[in-house]
Every structure is written in C-alpha cells, then in structure tokens.
Amino acid sequence: MAEQFTLADLKDILVNRVGMDEADVPDDASTTFEAVGLDSLAILEIQLEVEQRYGFKIDESEAEQVKAFGDAVSLVNNKLTAAG
C-alpha cells in the first residue's frame, strides 16, 4: 500500500520548514495558503520539502492549482499513488 500524505504531514512542513507557529496552522482542509499569510516563496518551500521527502517532482502547472491545504494533500496522494 502506498504511503499517505495527511494534513498532519502538511502541518509538520508548515511548522518545521516554513517556520509557522503550530497554533496558527488550522486543521481544516479548506484553509487556503493565502488565508494563513503564506506567499509564493513559502509555497515553494513546501513544494521542495514534499519533493525531497517523497522523491517525485511537482510540475509548475500542478503547483499553480494548489490553493488550499486539501488541494496539497490530494496532489501529493495522487503522486504517491501514481508512483506506487
């Protein structure tokens, strides 16, 4: 079975790589990255961390579609399923 990427995994990246305070990261898949004050540079940090952790590339066109936490989780899980 392929590994799963969860909101908890995303939260870990937001806290440990991007530097957000854990209390400022909602456990809500509909939360947008913009709503929590993340700019394109922070989103690139998330993308790079995911690529390093899971060993696949995220195309720019795919990354542009990610607006909310749930979008990121879905994208990573789709990539993991395709790679698995």
N, C-alpha and C. Protein backbone atom coordinates (compact mmCIF):
# COMPACT_ATOMS: atom_id res chain seq x y z
N MET A 1 0.83 -1.18 0.00
CA MET A 1 0.00 0.00 0.00
C MET A 1 0.88 1.26 0.00
N ALA A 2 0.48 2.22 -0.80
CA ALA A 2 1.25 3.45 -0.91
C ALA A 2 1.15 4.27 0.37
N GLU A 3 2.20 4.99 0.65
CA GLU A 3 2.22 5.90 1.79
C GLU A 3 1.15 6.98 1.59
N GLN A 4 0.60 7.47 2.67
CA GLN A 4 -0.41 8.53 2.60
C GLN A 4 0.16 9.83 3.16
N PHE A 5 -0.19 10.93 2.52
CA PHE A 5 0.16 12.26 2.98
C PHE A 5 -1.08 12.85 3.63
N THR A 6 -0.96 13.36 4.84
CA THR A 6 -2.11 13.84 5.59
C THR A 6 -1.97 15.32 5.93
N LEU A 7 -3.04 15.88 6.47
CA LEU A 7 -2.97 17.26 6.96
C LEU A 7 -1.90 17.40 8.04
N ALA A 8 -1.73 16.35 8.85
CA ALA A 8 -0.69 16.38 9.89
C ALA A 8 0.70 16.48 9.26
N ASP A 9 0.92 15.80 8.14
CA ASP A 9 2.20 15.88 7.44
C ASP A 9 2.43 17.30 6.90
N LEU A 10 1.36 17.89 6.34
CA LEU A 10 1.46 19.25 5.83
C LEU A 10 1.75 20.22 6.98
N LYS A 11 1.07 20.02 8.09
CA LYS A 11 1.28 20.88 9.26
C LYS A 11 2.73 20.79 9.73
N ASP A 12 3.29 19.59 9.72
CA ASP A 12 4.69 19.40 10.10
C ASP A 12 5.62 20.22 9.20
N ILE A 13 5.34 20.22 7.91
CA ILE A 13 6.15 21.01 6.97
C ILE A 13 5.99 22.50 7.24
N LEU A 14 4.75 22.92 7.47
CA LEU A 14 4.49 24.34 7.71
C LEU A 14 5.19 24.83 8.97
N VAL A 15 5.25 23.99 9.98
CA VAL A 15 5.88 24.38 11.25
C VAL A 15 7.40 24.26 11.16
N ASN A 16 7.88 23.13 10.68
CA ASN A 16 9.32 22.83 10.75
C ASN A 16 10.15 23.35 9.58
N ARG A 17 9.54 23.55 8.42
CA ARG A 17 10.31 24.07 7.28
C ARG A 17 9.97 25.52 6.99
N VAL A 18 8.69 25.85 7.03
CA VAL A 18 8.28 27.21 6.70
C VAL A 18 8.41 28.14 7.91
N GLY A 19 8.31 27.57 9.11
CA GLY A 19 8.50 28.35 10.32
C GLY A 19 7.24 28.93 10.93
N MET A 20 6.08 28.40 10.55
CA MET A 20 4.84 28.87 11.16
C MET A 20 4.72 28.35 12.59
N ASP A 21 4.00 29.07 13.41
CA ASP A 21 3.68 28.61 14.75
C ASP A 21 2.58 27.55 14.63
N GLU A 22 2.74 26.45 15.34
CA GLU A 22 1.78 25.35 15.24
C GLU A 22 0.35 25.80 15.53
N ALA A 23 0.18 26.72 16.45
CA ALA A 23 -1.15 27.23 16.80
C ALA A 23 -1.80 28.02 15.66
N ASP A 24 -0.99 28.48 14.72
CA ASP A 24 -1.50 29.27 13.59
C ASP A 24 -1.84 28.42 12.37
N VAL A 25 -1.71 27.09 12.47
CA VAL A 25 -1.98 26.20 11.35
C VAL A 25 -3.28 25.44 11.63
N PRO A 26 -4.38 25.84 11.00
CA PRO A 26 -5.66 25.17 11.24
C PRO A 26 -5.67 23.74 10.72
N ASP A 27 -6.45 22.89 11.38
CA ASP A 27 -6.65 21.51 10.92
C ASP A 27 -7.88 21.44 10.02
N ASP A 28 -7.88 22.27 8.99
CA ASP A 28 -9.04 22.39 8.11
C ASP A 28 -8.55 22.35 6.67
N ALA A 29 -8.98 21.33 5.93
CA ALA A 29 -8.53 21.14 4.56
C ALA A 29 -8.93 22.28 3.64
N SER A 30 -9.97 23.04 4.01
CA SER A 30 -10.41 24.13 3.14
C SER A 30 -9.64 25.43 3.36
N THR A 31 -8.76 25.46 4.35
CA THR A 31 -7.94 26.65 4.61
C THR A 31 -7.02 26.90 3.43
N THR A 32 -7.01 28.12 2.95
CA THR A 32 -6.11 28.45 1.85
C THR A 32 -4.76 28.89 2.40
N PHE A 33 -3.74 28.70 1.59
CA PHE A 33 -2.40 29.15 1.97
C PHE A 33 -2.38 30.67 2.12
N GLU A 34 -3.12 31.34 1.28
CA GLU A 34 -3.21 32.80 1.36
C GLU A 34 -3.84 33.24 2.68
N ALA A 35 -4.84 32.51 3.14
CA ALA A 35 -5.54 32.88 4.38
C ALA A 35 -4.63 32.83 5.60
N VAL A 36 -3.60 32.00 5.57
CA VAL A 36 -2.67 31.94 6.70
C VAL A 36 -1.40 32.76 6.43
N GLY A 37 -1.45 33.59 5.37
CA GLY A 37 -0.39 34.55 5.13
C GLY A 37 0.83 34.02 4.41
N LEU A 38 0.69 32.89 3.71
CA LEU A 38 1.86 32.35 3.01
C LEU A 38 1.96 32.93 1.61
N ASP A 39 3.17 33.34 1.25
CA ASP A 39 3.42 33.87 -0.08
C ASP A 39 3.97 32.77 -0.98
N SER A 40 4.27 33.13 -2.21
CA SER A 40 4.73 32.14 -3.18
C SER A 40 6.06 31.50 -2.78
N LEU A 41 6.90 32.23 -2.07
CA LEU A 41 8.17 31.68 -1.61
C LEU A 41 7.94 30.58 -0.58
N ALA A 42 7.02 30.79 0.34
CA ALA A 42 6.69 29.77 1.34
C ALA A 42 6.09 28.54 0.67
N ILE A 43 5.25 28.77 -0.33
CA ILE A 43 4.64 27.64 -1.04
C ILE A 43 5.71 26.85 -1.78
N LEU A 44 6.69 27.53 -2.33
CA LEU A 44 7.81 26.85 -2.99
C LEU A 44 8.58 26.00 -1.97
N GLU A 45 8.77 26.50 -0.76
CA GLU A 45 9.43 25.72 0.31
C GLU A 45 8.67 24.43 0.59
N ILE A 46 7.34 24.53 0.64
CA ILE A 46 6.51 23.34 0.86
C ILE A 46 6.71 22.35 -0.28
N GLN A 47 6.65 22.86 -1.50
CA GLN A 47 6.83 22.01 -2.68
C GLN A 47 8.18 21.30 -2.66
N LEU A 48 9.24 22.02 -2.35
CA LEU A 48 10.58 21.43 -2.31
C LEU A 48 10.69 20.36 -1.22
N GLU A 49 10.10 20.62 -0.06
CA GLU A 49 10.14 19.63 1.03
C GLU A 49 9.40 18.36 0.64
N VAL A 50 8.24 18.51 0.02
CA VAL A 50 7.47 17.33 -0.41
C VAL A 50 8.27 16.54 -1.46
N GLU A 51 8.87 17.24 -2.40
CA GLU A 51 9.67 16.56 -3.43
C GLU A 51 10.83 15.79 -2.81
N GLN A 52 11.49 16.41 -1.83
CA GLN A 52 12.63 15.75 -1.17
C GLN A 52 12.17 14.55 -0.35
N ARG A 53 11.09 14.70 0.39
CA ARG A 53 10.61 13.60 1.25
C ARG A 53 10.13 12.40 0.46
N TYR A 54 9.43 12.67 -0.65
CA TYR A 54 8.74 11.58 -1.34
C TYR A 54 9.34 11.20 -2.69
N GLY A 55 10.32 11.95 -3.15
CA GLY A 55 11.08 11.55 -4.33
C GLY A 55 10.38 11.72 -5.66
N PHE A 56 9.51 12.70 -5.79
CA PHE A 56 8.90 12.98 -7.08
C PHE A 56 8.89 14.48 -7.31
N LYS A 57 8.68 14.88 -8.56
CA LYS A 57 8.64 16.29 -8.91
C LYS A 57 7.19 16.74 -9.04
N ILE A 58 6.95 17.97 -8.66
CA ILE A 58 5.65 18.60 -8.85
C ILE A 58 5.84 19.66 -9.92
N ASP A 59 5.13 19.50 -11.03
CA ASP A 59 5.23 20.45 -12.13
C ASP A 59 4.65 21.80 -11.71
N GLU A 60 5.14 22.85 -12.34
CA GLU A 60 4.65 24.19 -12.04
C GLU A 60 3.14 24.29 -12.27
N SER A 61 2.66 23.66 -13.35
CA SER A 61 1.23 23.72 -13.65
C SER A 61 0.41 23.03 -12.56
N GLU A 62 0.95 21.96 -11.97
CA GLU A 62 0.27 21.28 -10.87
C GLU A 62 0.29 22.16 -9.62
N ALA A 63 1.42 22.76 -9.33
CA ALA A 63 1.57 23.59 -8.15
C ALA A 63 0.64 24.79 -8.19
N GLU A 64 0.42 25.34 -9.38
CA GLU A 64 -0.44 26.51 -9.52
C GLU A 64 -1.90 26.19 -9.17
N GLN A 65 -2.29 24.92 -9.25
CA GLN A 65 -3.66 24.51 -8.94
C GLN A 65 -3.91 24.39 -7.44
N VAL A 66 -2.84 24.36 -6.65
CA VAL A 66 -2.95 24.17 -5.21
C VAL A 66 -3.21 25.52 -4.53
N LYS A 67 -4.41 25.64 -3.98
CA LYS A 67 -4.80 26.88 -3.30
C LYS A 67 -5.05 26.64 -1.81
N ALA A 68 -5.57 25.45 -1.47
CA ALA A 68 -5.95 25.14 -0.10
C ALA A 68 -5.17 23.93 0.41
N PHE A 69 -5.18 23.75 1.72
CA PHE A 69 -4.48 22.62 2.33
C PHE A 69 -4.92 21.30 1.71
N GLY A 70 -6.23 21.14 1.52
CA GLY A 70 -6.76 19.90 0.95
C GLY A 70 -6.27 19.65 -0.46
N ASP A 71 -6.08 20.72 -1.24
CA ASP A 71 -5.54 20.58 -2.60
C ASP A 71 -4.13 19.99 -2.54
N ALA A 72 -3.34 20.46 -1.59
CA ALA A 72 -1.96 19.96 -1.45
C ALA A 72 -1.96 18.48 -1.05
N VAL A 73 -2.82 18.13 -0.10
CA VAL A 73 -2.90 16.74 0.35
C VAL A 73 -3.31 15.83 -0.82
N SER A 74 -4.31 16.25 -1.57
CA SER A 74 -4.79 15.46 -2.72
C SER A 74 -3.71 15.30 -3.78
N LEU A 75 -3.02 16.39 -4.09
CA LEU A 75 -1.96 16.33 -5.11
C LEU A 75 -0.87 15.35 -4.70
N VAL A 76 -0.41 15.46 -3.47
CA VAL A 76 0.67 14.58 -3.01
C VAL A 76 0.20 13.13 -3.00
N ASN A 77 -1.01 12.87 -2.55
CA ASN A 77 -1.52 11.50 -2.52
C ASN A 77 -1.70 10.94 -3.93
N ASN A 78 -2.13 11.77 -4.87
CA ASN A 78 -2.23 11.32 -6.27
C ASN A 78 -0.86 10.97 -6.82
N LYS A 79 0.15 11.78 -6.49
CA LYS A 79 1.52 11.49 -6.94
C LYS A 79 2.04 10.20 -6.30
N LEU A 80 1.76 10.02 -5.01
CA LEU A 80 2.20 8.81 -4.33
C LEU A 80 1.53 7.56 -4.93
N THR A 81 0.25 7.66 -5.25
CA THR A 81 -0.46 6.54 -5.86
C THR A 81 0.12 6.22 -7.23
N ALA A 82 0.39 7.26 -8.02
CA ALA A 82 0.96 7.05 -9.35
C ALA A 82 2.35 6.44 -9.28
N ALA A 83 3.11 6.82 -8.27
CA ALA A 83 4.48 6.31 -8.12
C ALA A 83 4.50 4.90 -7.53
N GLY A 84 3.43 4.56 -6.80
CA GLY A 84 3.40 3.29 -6.08
C GLY A 84 3.04 2.14 -6.94
